[in-house]
Protein backbone atom coordinates (compact mmCIF):
# COMPACT_ATOMS: atom_id res chain seq x y z
CA MET A 1 -23.39 -17.54 4.74
CA ALA A 2 -20.28 -16.53 6.81
CA GLN A 3 -17.17 -15.10 5.15
CA PRO A 4 -13.89 -16.88 5.56
CA ILE A 5 -11.74 -15.21 8.22
CA GLY A 6 -8.92 -14.21 5.85
CA ARG A 7 -11.45 -12.44 3.59
CA MET A 8 -13.08 -10.73 6.44
CA ALA A 9 -9.82 -9.34 7.72
CA PHE A 10 -8.93 -8.10 4.23
CA ALA A 11 -12.26 -6.19 3.96
CA GLN A 12 -11.65 -4.59 7.45
CA ASP A 13 -8.01 -3.65 6.54
CA CYS A 14 -9.09 -2.01 3.33
CA ALA A 15 -11.90 0.10 4.94
CA GLY A 16 -13.32 0.83 1.43
CA ASN A 17 -10.02 1.72 -0.09
CA CYS A 18 -9.11 -1.48 -1.85
CA GLY A 19 -11.78 -2.12 -4.31
CA GLY A 20 -12.12 -0.92 -7.81
CA GLY A 21 -13.47 2.53 -8.98
CA GLN A 22 -12.71 5.91 -7.73
CA GLN A 23 -12.79 4.78 -4.01
CA GLY A 24 -10.04 2.26 -4.80
CA GLN A 25 -7.99 4.84 -6.50
CA GLN A 26 -7.80 7.09 -3.40
CA GLY A 27 -5.73 5.48 -0.66
CA GLY A 28 -6.72 7.86 2.05
CA LYS A 29 -4.50 10.30 4.16
CA GLY A 30 -3.75 12.24 0.83
CA ILE A 31 -2.10 9.33 -1.03
CA SER A 32 -3.46 8.80 -4.54
CA VAL A 33 -2.60 6.16 -7.13
CA GLY A 34 -0.65 7.97 -9.90
CA GLU A 35 0.69 10.76 -7.54
CA ALA A 36 4.40 11.35 -7.61
CA LEU A 37 5.57 11.71 -4.12
CA PRO A 38 8.45 13.97 -3.13
CA PRO A 39 11.86 12.34 -2.44
CA GLY A 40 12.42 11.45 1.13
CA LYS A 41 8.57 11.05 1.87
CA ILE A 42 8.56 7.23 1.29
CA HIS A 43 10.08 4.84 3.79
CA VAL A 44 11.37 2.22 1.41
CA ILE A 45 10.74 -1.31 2.68
CA THR A 46 13.89 -3.52 2.50
CA ARG A 47 12.25 -6.69 4.11
CA PRO A 48 8.77 -7.15 2.66
CA GLY A 49 8.23 -10.42 4.47
CA LEU A 50 7.93 -8.48 7.71
CA TYR A 51 4.77 -6.96 6.28
CA GLY A 52 3.32 -10.24 4.87
CA MET A 53 4.47 -9.35 1.31
CA GLY A 54 6.63 -11.26 -1.19
CA GLU A 55 9.03 -9.57 -3.41
CA PRO A 56 7.46 -6.64 -5.48
CA PRO A 57 6.81 -7.04 -9.21
CA ARG A 58 9.69 -5.98 -11.43
CA GLY A 59 10.05 -2.23 -11.62
CA SER A 60 8.38 -1.45 -8.34
CA ARG A 61 9.13 -1.33 -4.67
CA TYR A 62 7.17 -1.29 -1.54
CA GLY A 63 7.15 1.61 0.93
CA ILE A 64 5.27 3.31 3.67
CA VAL A 65 3.78 6.78 3.45
CA ASN A 66 1.50 8.36 6.13
CA GLY A 67 1.08 4.93 7.71
CA ARG A 68 -0.01 3.32 4.40
CA LEU A 69 1.70 0.48 2.71
CA ILE A 70 2.12 1.31 -0.88
CA ARG A 71 3.73 -0.01 -4.10
CA PHE A 72 5.64 2.61 -6.11
CA ASP A 73 7.86 3.11 -9.09
CA PRO A 74 11.27 3.78 -7.72
CA GLY A 75 12.36 5.82 -10.86
CA THR A 76 9.49 8.25 -10.73
CA SER A 77 8.21 7.86 -7.08
CA ARG A 78 4.72 7.49 -8.61
CA VAL A 79 2.33 5.44 -6.47
CA LEU A 80 1.25 2.37 -8.25
CA SER A 81 -1.16 0.99 -5.57
CA VAL A 82 -2.21 1.67 -2.04
CA ILE A 83 -2.26 -1.61 -0.26
CA ARG A 84 -3.34 -1.17 3.40
CA GLN A 85 -2.76 0.68 6.63
CA VAL A 86 0.20 -0.38 8.75
CA ASP A 87 0.53 0.19 12.49
CA ARG A 88 4.26 0.68 12.50
CA ILE A 89 7.44 0.45 10.43
CA LEU A 90 9.10 -2.88 11.03
CA ASP A 91 12.30 -2.62 8.93
């Protein structure tokens, strides 16, 4: 049975980094869930719609680090999730 196109695209974007378990915890390119990133390393996204995202959950922001779209805690700069790779910064 064929997968719906949207699901197939999601699986390709994740390249093994979006599922559960240890593999899902490591976002690739040196970004790990729970890691505190140094100030200035995160490009903070101001217009999430440009990336196909809605507003982030309360207490978090979206950003880009090493070509990866992430969700992070703005108070601690800890990575909450690694979402997917992005080709370029749009905002």
